[in-house]
PDB file of N, CA and C in Angstrom:
ATOM      1  N   MET A   1      98.571 121.824 112.440  1.00  0.00           N
ATOM      2  CA  MET A   1      97.701 121.154 111.487  1.00  0.00           C
ATOM      3  C   MET A   1      97.682 121.974 110.192  1.00  0.00           C
ATOM      4  N   PRO A   2      97.900 121.297 109.032  1.00  0.00           N
ATOM      5  CA  PRO A   2      97.921 122.034 107.772  1.00  0.00           C
ATOM      6  C   PRO A   2      96.527 122.538 107.394  1.00  0.00           C
ATOM      7  N   ASN A   3      96.516 123.677 106.697  1.00  0.00           N
ATOM      8  CA  ASN A   3      95.227 124.169 106.240  1.00  0.00           C
ATOM      9  C   ASN A   3      94.785 123.375 105.007  1.00  0.00           C
ATOM     10  N   ARG A   4      93.580 123.619 104.549  1.00  0.00           N
ATOM     11  CA  ARG A   4      92.999 122.841 103.445  1.00  0.00           C
ATOM     12  C   ARG A   4      93.842 122.938 102.171  1.00  0.00           C
ATOM     13  N   LYS A   5      94.320 124.131 101.838  1.00  0.00           N
ATOM     14  CA  LYS A   5      95.104 124.309 100.619  1.00  0.00           C
ATOM     15  C   LYS A   5      96.409 123.521 100.688  1.00  0.00           C
ATOM     16  N   GLN A   6      97.101 123.595 101.828  1.00  0.00           N
ATOM     17  CA  GLN A   6      98.341 122.840 101.995  1.00  0.00           C
ATOM     18  C   GLN A   6      98.083 121.337 101.898  1.00  0.00           C
ATOM     19  N   SER A   7      97.001 120.900 102.501  1.00  0.00           N
ATOM     20  CA  SER A   7      96.658 119.479 102.466  1.00  0.00           C
ATOM     21  C   SER A   7      96.369 119.012 101.041  1.00  0.00           C
ATOM     22  N   LEU A   8      95.617 119.809 100.286  1.00  0.00           N
ATOM     23  CA  LEU A   8      95.311 119.451  98.907  1.00  0.00           C
ATOM     24  C   LEU A   8      96.569 119.426  98.047  1.00  0.00           C
ATOM     25  N   GLU A   9      97.447 120.398  98.246  1.00  0.00           N
ATOM     26  CA  GLU A   9      98.684 120.438  97.475  1.00  0.00           C
ATOM     27  C   GLU A   9      99.558 119.226  97.787  1.00  0.00           C
ATOM     28  N   ARG A  10      99.633 118.859  99.045  1.00  0.00           N
ATOM     29  CA  ARG A  10     100.448 117.720  99.441  1.00  0.00           C
ATOM     30  C   ARG A  10      99.882 116.423  98.864  1.00  0.00           C
ATOM     31  N   HIS A  11      98.584 116.237  98.934  1.00  0.00           N
ATOM     32  CA  HIS A  11      97.980 115.014  98.419  1.00  0.00           C
ATOM     33  C   HIS A  11      98.052 114.956  96.901  1.00  0.00           C
ATOM     34  N   LYS A  12      97.960 116.095  96.240  1.00  0.00           N
ATOM     35  CA  LYS A  12      98.074 116.113  94.793  1.00  0.00           C
ATOM     36  C   LYS A  12      99.459 115.622  94.384  1.00  0.00           C
ATOM     37  N   GLU A  13     100.448 115.959  95.157  1.00  0.00           N
ATOM     38  CA  GLU A  13     101.812 115.539  94.872  1.00  0.00           C
ATOM     39  C   GLU A  13     102.026 114.062  95.170  1.00  0.00           C
ATOM     40  N   LEU A  14     101.201 113.472  96.018  1.00  0.00           N
ATOM     41  CA  LEU A  14     101.418 112.101  96.449  1.00  0.00           C
ATOM     42  C   LEU A  14     100.995 111.056  95.431  1.00  0.00           C
ATOM     43  N   GLY A  15     100.026 111.362  94.598  1.00  0.00           N
ATOM     44  CA  GLY A  15      99.643 110.297  93.701  1.00  0.00           C
ATOM     45  C   GLY A  15      98.626 110.650  92.655  1.00  0.00           C
ATOM     46  N   SER A  16      98.726 109.882  91.592  1.00  0.00           N
ATOM     47  CA  SER A  16      97.737 109.925  90.513  1.00  0.00           C
ATOM     48  C   SER A  16      97.183 108.514  90.356  1.00  0.00           C
ATOM     49  N   PHE A  17      95.901 108.441  90.081  1.00  0.00           N
ATOM     50  CA  PHE A  17      95.242 107.147  90.028  1.00  0.00           C
ATOM     51  C   PHE A  17      94.426 106.997  88.756  1.00  0.00           C
ATOM     52  N   VAL A  18      94.380 105.774  88.245  1.00  0.00           N
ATOM     53  CA  VAL A  18      93.472 105.413  87.165  1.00  0.00           C
ATOM     54  C   VAL A  18      92.452 104.472  87.781  1.00  0.00           C
ATOM     55  N   ILE A  19      91.187 104.793  87.585  1.00  0.00           N
ATOM     56  CA  ILE A  19      90.103 103.979  88.148  1.00  0.00           C
ATOM     57  C   ILE A  19      89.346 103.334  86.992  1.00  0.00           C
ATOM     58  N   ARG A  20      89.261 102.006  87.025  1.00  0.00           N
ATOM     59  CA  ARG A  20      88.518 101.267  86.001  1.00  0.00           C
ATOM     60  C   ARG A  20      87.342 100.568  86.669  1.00  0.00           C
ATOM     61  N   VAL A  21      86.155 100.972  86.310  1.00  0.00           N
ATOM     62  CA  VAL A  21      84.946 100.353  86.841  1.00  0.00           C
ATOM     63  C   VAL A  21      84.519  99.276  85.857  1.00  0.00           C
ATOM     64  N   HIS A  22      84.491  98.023  86.333  1.00  0.00           N
ATOM     65  CA  HIS A  22      84.141  96.906  85.462  1.00  0.00           C
ATOM     66  C   HIS A  22      82.687  96.469  85.615  1.00  0.00           C
ATOM     67  N   HIS A  23      82.157  96.602  86.802  1.00  0.00           N
ATOM     68  CA  HIS A  23      80.779  96.186  87.065  1.00  0.00           C
ATOM     69  C   HIS A  23      80.111  97.202  87.981  1.00  0.00           C
ATOM     70  N   ARG A  24      78.831  97.195  87.908  1.00  0.00           N
ATOM     71  CA  ARG A  24      78.033  97.977  88.846  1.00  0.00           C
ATOM     72  C   ARG A  24      76.951  97.055  89.348  1.00  0.00           C
ATOM     73  N   GLN A  25      77.107  96.579  90.575  1.00  0.00           N
ATOM     74  CA  GLN A  25      76.149  95.667  91.181  1.00  0.00           C
ATOM     75  C   GLN A  25      75.715  96.210  92.530  1.00  0.00           C
ATOM     76  N   HIS A  26      74.476  95.946  92.878  1.00  0.00           N
ATOM     77  CA  HIS A  26      73.957  96.350  94.187  1.00  0.00           C
ATOM     78  C   HIS A  26      74.211  97.831  94.451  1.00  0.00           C
ATOM     79  N   ASP A  27      74.023  98.640  93.416  1.00  0.00           N
ATOM     80  CA  ASP A  27      74.168 100.094  93.510  1.00  0.00           C
ATOM     81  C   ASP A  27      75.565 100.544  93.921  1.00  0.00           C
ATOM     82  N   SER A  28      76.579  99.774  93.573  1.00  0.00           N
ATOM     83  CA  SER A  28      77.942 100.200  93.850  1.00  0.00           C
ATOM     84  C   SER A  28      78.858  99.729  92.727  1.00  0.00           C
ATOM     85  N   TRP A  29      80.102 100.223  92.749  1.00  0.00           N
ATOM     86  CA  TRP A  29      81.061  99.919  91.691  1.00  0.00           C
ATOM     87  C   TRP A  29      82.008  98.815  92.121  1.00  0.00           C
ATOM     88  N   GLN A  30      82.431  98.013  91.151  1.00  0.00           N
ATOM     89  CA  GLN A  30      83.514  97.057  91.338  1.00  0.00           C
ATOM     90  C   GLN A  30      84.503  97.269  90.205  1.00  0.00           C
ATOM     91  N   GLY A  31      85.782  97.179  90.520  1.00  0.00           N
ATOM     92  CA  GLY A  31      86.783  97.376  89.487  1.00  0.00           C
ATOM     93  C   GLY A  31      88.181  97.399  90.043  1.00  0.00           C
ATOM     94  N   PHE A  32      89.039  98.186  89.400  1.00  0.00           N
ATOM     95  CA  PHE A  32      90.452  98.252  89.763  1.00  0.00           C
ATOM     96  C   PHE A  32      90.911  99.701  89.816  1.00  0.00           C
ATOM     97  N   VAL A  33      91.822  99.962  90.734  1.00  0.00           N
ATOM     98  CA  VAL A  33      92.453 101.282  90.839  1.00  0.00           C
ATOM     99  C   VAL A  33      93.955 101.064  90.711  1.00  0.00           C
ATOM    100  N   THR A  34      94.581 101.883  89.864  1.00  0.00           N
ATOM    101  CA  THR A  34      96.029 101.802  89.665  1.00  0.00           C
ATOM    102  C   THR A  34      96.678 103.080  90.161  1.00  0.00           C
ATOM    103  N   HIS A  35      97.658 102.915  91.039  1.00  0.00           N
ATOM    104  CA  HIS A  35      98.461 104.030  91.520  1.00  0.00           C
ATOM    105  C   HIS A  35      99.600 104.179  90.530  1.00  0.00           C
ATOM    106  N   LEU A  36      99.581 105.255  89.748  1.00  0.00           N
ATOM    107  CA  LEU A  36     100.505 105.410  88.636  1.00  0.00           C
ATOM    108  C   LEU A  36     101.963 105.537  89.063  1.00  0.00           C
ATOM    109  N   GLU A  37     102.215 106.222  90.158  1.00  0.00           N
ATOM    110  CA  GLU A  37     103.600 106.419  90.590  1.00  0.00           C
ATOM    111  C   GLU A  37     104.281 105.100  90.953  1.00  0.00           C
ATOM    112  N   LYS A  38     103.544 104.154  91.476  1.00  0.00           N
ATOM    113  CA  LYS A  38     104.117 102.862  91.882  1.00  0.00           C
ATOM    114  C   LYS A  38     103.745 101.735  90.918  1.00  0.00           C
ATOM    115  N   ASN A  39     102.930 102.048  89.905  1.00  0.00           N
ATOM    116  CA  ASN A  39     102.432 101.038  88.967  1.00  0.00           C
ATOM    117  C   ASN A  39     101.851  99.849  89.725  1.00  0.00           C
ATOM    118  N   ARG A  40     101.002 100.155  90.691  1.00  0.00           N
ATOM    119  CA  ARG A  40     100.407  99.155  91.580  1.00  0.00           C
ATOM    120  C   ARG A  40      98.900  99.165  91.371  1.00  0.00           C
ATOM    121  N   THR A  41      98.331  97.996  91.071  1.00  0.00           N
ATOM    122  CA  THR A  41      96.896  97.884  90.810  1.00  0.00           C
ATOM    123  C   THR A  41      96.241  97.045  91.896  1.00  0.00           C
ATOM    124  N   LEU A  42      95.132  97.562  92.425  1.00  0.00           N
ATOM    125  CA  LEU A  42      94.374  96.866  93.456  1.00  0.00           C
ATOM    126  C   LEU A  42      92.900  96.822  93.055  1.00  0.00           C
ATOM    127  N   ALA A  43      92.235  95.757  93.444  1.00  0.00           N
ATOM    128  CA  ALA A  43      90.801  95.618  93.169  1.00  0.00           C
ATOM    129  C   ALA A  43      89.997  96.318  94.260  1.00  0.00           C
ATOM    130  N   PHE A  44      88.803  96.768  93.897  1.00  0.00           N
ATOM    131  CA  PHE A  44      87.869  97.286  94.895  1.00  0.00           C
ATOM    132  C   PHE A  44      86.490  96.703  94.612  1.00  0.00           C
ATOM    133  N   ARG A  45      85.692  96.572  95.660  1.00  0.00           N
ATOM    134  CA  ARG A  45      84.373  95.932  95.545  1.00  0.00           C
ATOM    135  C   ARG A  45      83.204  96.875  95.763  1.00  0.00           C
ATOM    136  N   SER A  46      83.520  98.108  96.135  1.00  0.00           N
ATOM    137  CA  SER A  46      82.468  99.110  96.337  1.00  0.00           C
ATOM    138  C   SER A  46      83.107 100.486  96.250  1.00  0.00           C
ATOM    139  N   ALA A  47      82.278 101.494  96.128  1.00  0.00           N
ATOM    140  CA  ALA A  47      82.789 102.864  96.091  1.00  0.00           C
ATOM    141  C   ALA A  47      83.501 103.193  97.405  1.00  0.00           C
ATOM    142  N   LEU A  48      82.959 102.727  98.512  1.00  0.00           N
ATOM    143  CA  LEU A  48      83.597 102.959  99.806  1.00  0.00           C
ATOM    144  C   LEU A  48      84.952 102.259  99.864  1.00  0.00           C
ATOM    145  N   ASP A  49      85.019 101.032  99.368  1.00  0.00           N
ATOM    146  CA  ASP A  49      86.278 100.289  99.326  1.00  0.00           C
ATOM    147  C   ASP A  49      87.308 101.027  98.456  1.00  0.00           C
ATOM    148  N   LEU A  50      86.862 101.610  97.350  1.00  0.00           N
ATOM    149  CA  LEU A  50      87.735 102.393  96.488  1.00  0.00           C
ATOM    150  C   LEU A  50      88.335 103.565  97.253  1.00  0.00           C
ATOM    151  N   LEU A  51      87.502 104.308  97.961  1.00  0.00           N
ATOM    152  CA  LEU A  51      87.991 105.458  98.729  1.00  0.00           C
ATOM    153  C   LEU A  51      88.960 105.028  99.827  1.00  0.00           C
ATOM    154  N   LYS A  52      88.649 103.935 100.501  1.00  0.00           N
ATOM    155  CA  LYS A  52      89.539 103.438 101.550  1.00  0.00           C
ATOM    156  C   LYS A  52      90.876 102.999 100.962  1.00  0.00           C
ATOM    157  N   THR A  53      90.847 102.376  99.797  1.00  0.00           N
ATOM    158  CA  THR A  53      92.074 101.929  99.135  1.00  0.00           C
ATOM    159  C   THR A  53      92.951 103.119  98.770  1.00  0.00           C
ATOM    160  N   ILE A  54      92.353 104.127  98.166  1.00  0.00           N
ATOM    161  CA  ILE A  54      93.119 105.328  97.797  1.00  0.00           C
ATOM    162  C   ILE A  54      93.668 105.997  99.052  1.00  0.00           C
ATOM    163  N   ASP A  55      92.865 106.095 100.090  1.00  0.00           N
ATOM    164  CA  ASP A  55      93.311 106.720 101.334  1.00  0.00           C
ATOM    165  C   ASP A  55      94.489 105.956 101.934  1.00  0.00           C
ATOM    166  N   SER A  56      94.441 104.638 101.923  1.00  0.00           N
ATOM    167  CA  SER A  56      95.546 103.861 102.491  1.00  0.00           C
ATOM    168  C   SER A  56      96.817 104.023 101.662  1.00  0.00           C
ATOM    169  N   ILE A  57      96.695 104.104 100.341  1.00  0.00           N
ATOM    170  CA  ILE A  57      97.869 104.340  99.487  1.00  0.00           C
ATOM    171  C   ILE A  57      98.474 105.703  99.789  1.00  0.00           C
ATOM    172  N   LEU A  58      97.646 106.717  99.929  1.00  0.00           N
ATOM    173  CA  LEU A  58      98.149 108.056 100.249  1.00  0.00           C
ATOM    174  C   LEU A  58      98.799 108.087 101.628  1.00  0.00           C
ATOM    175  N   ASP A  59      98.231 107.360 102.586  1.00  0.00           N
ATOM    176  CA  ASP A  59      98.842 107.286 103.913  1.00  0.00           C
ATOM    177  C   ASP A  59     100.219 106.633 103.840  1.00  0.00           C
ATOM    178  N   GLU A  60     100.353 105.563 103.047  1.00  0.00           N
ATOM    179  CA  GLU A  60     101.649 104.903 102.869  1.00  0.00           C
ATOM    180  C   GLU A  60     102.661 105.872 102.267  1.00  0.00           C
ATOM    181  N   GLU A  61     102.239 106.605 101.242  1.00  0.00           N
ATOM    182  CA  GLU A  61     103.128 107.575 100.593  1.00  0.00           C
ATOM    183  C   GLU A  61     103.558 108.661 101.565  1.00  0.00           C
ATOM    184  N   GLU A  62     102.626 109.119 102.379  1.00  0.00           N
ATOM    185  CA  GLU A  62     102.934 110.165 103.352  1.00  0.00           C
ATOM    186  C   GLU A  62     103.933 109.658 104.392  1.00  0.00           C
ATOM    187  N   GLN A  63     103.754 108.415 104.852  1.00  0.00           N
ATOM    188  CA  GLN A  63     104.692 107.835 105.809  1.00  0.00           C
ATOM    189  C   GLN A  63     106.067 107.650 105.191  1.00  0.00           C
ATOM    190  N   ASP A  64     106.105 107.213 103.937  1.00  0.00           N
ATOM    191  CA  ASP A  64     107.392 107.062 103.243  1.00  0.00           C
ATOM    192  C   ASP A  64     108.099 108.404 103.111  1.00  0.00           C
ATOM    193  N   ALA A  65     107.337 109.457 102.828  1.00  0.00           N
ATOM    194  CA  ALA A  65     107.916 110.790 102.655  1.00  0.00           C
ATOM    195  C   ALA A  65     108.478 111.328 103.977  1.00  0.00           C
ATOM    196  N   GLU A  66     107.869 110.953 105.088  1.00  0.00           N
ATOM    197  CA  GLU A  66     108.329 111.420 106.386  1.00  0.00           C
ATOM    198  C   GLU A  66     109.600 110.724 106.823  1.00  0.00           C
ATOM    199  N   ASN A  67     109.816 109.499 106.352  1.00  0.00           N
ATOM    200  CA  ASN A  67     110.999 108.716 106.768  1.00  0.00           C
ATOM    201  C   ASN A  67     112.175 108.959 105.903  1.00  0.00           C
TER     202      ASN A  67
END
């Protein structure tokens, strides 16, 4: 299992994101996140959804790197 520093370095290499918050409703954010390396934009409906979206993109990148 990688240590924290190795994990941070690996994830830093996996992606850069632009986050655009368009609305704030019900105490959460709605907007779009763009993965710069793939020029891929996805919508999110809450802060939790944003984190899950970024995590899934990083997981995809990690799987691609392993193959």
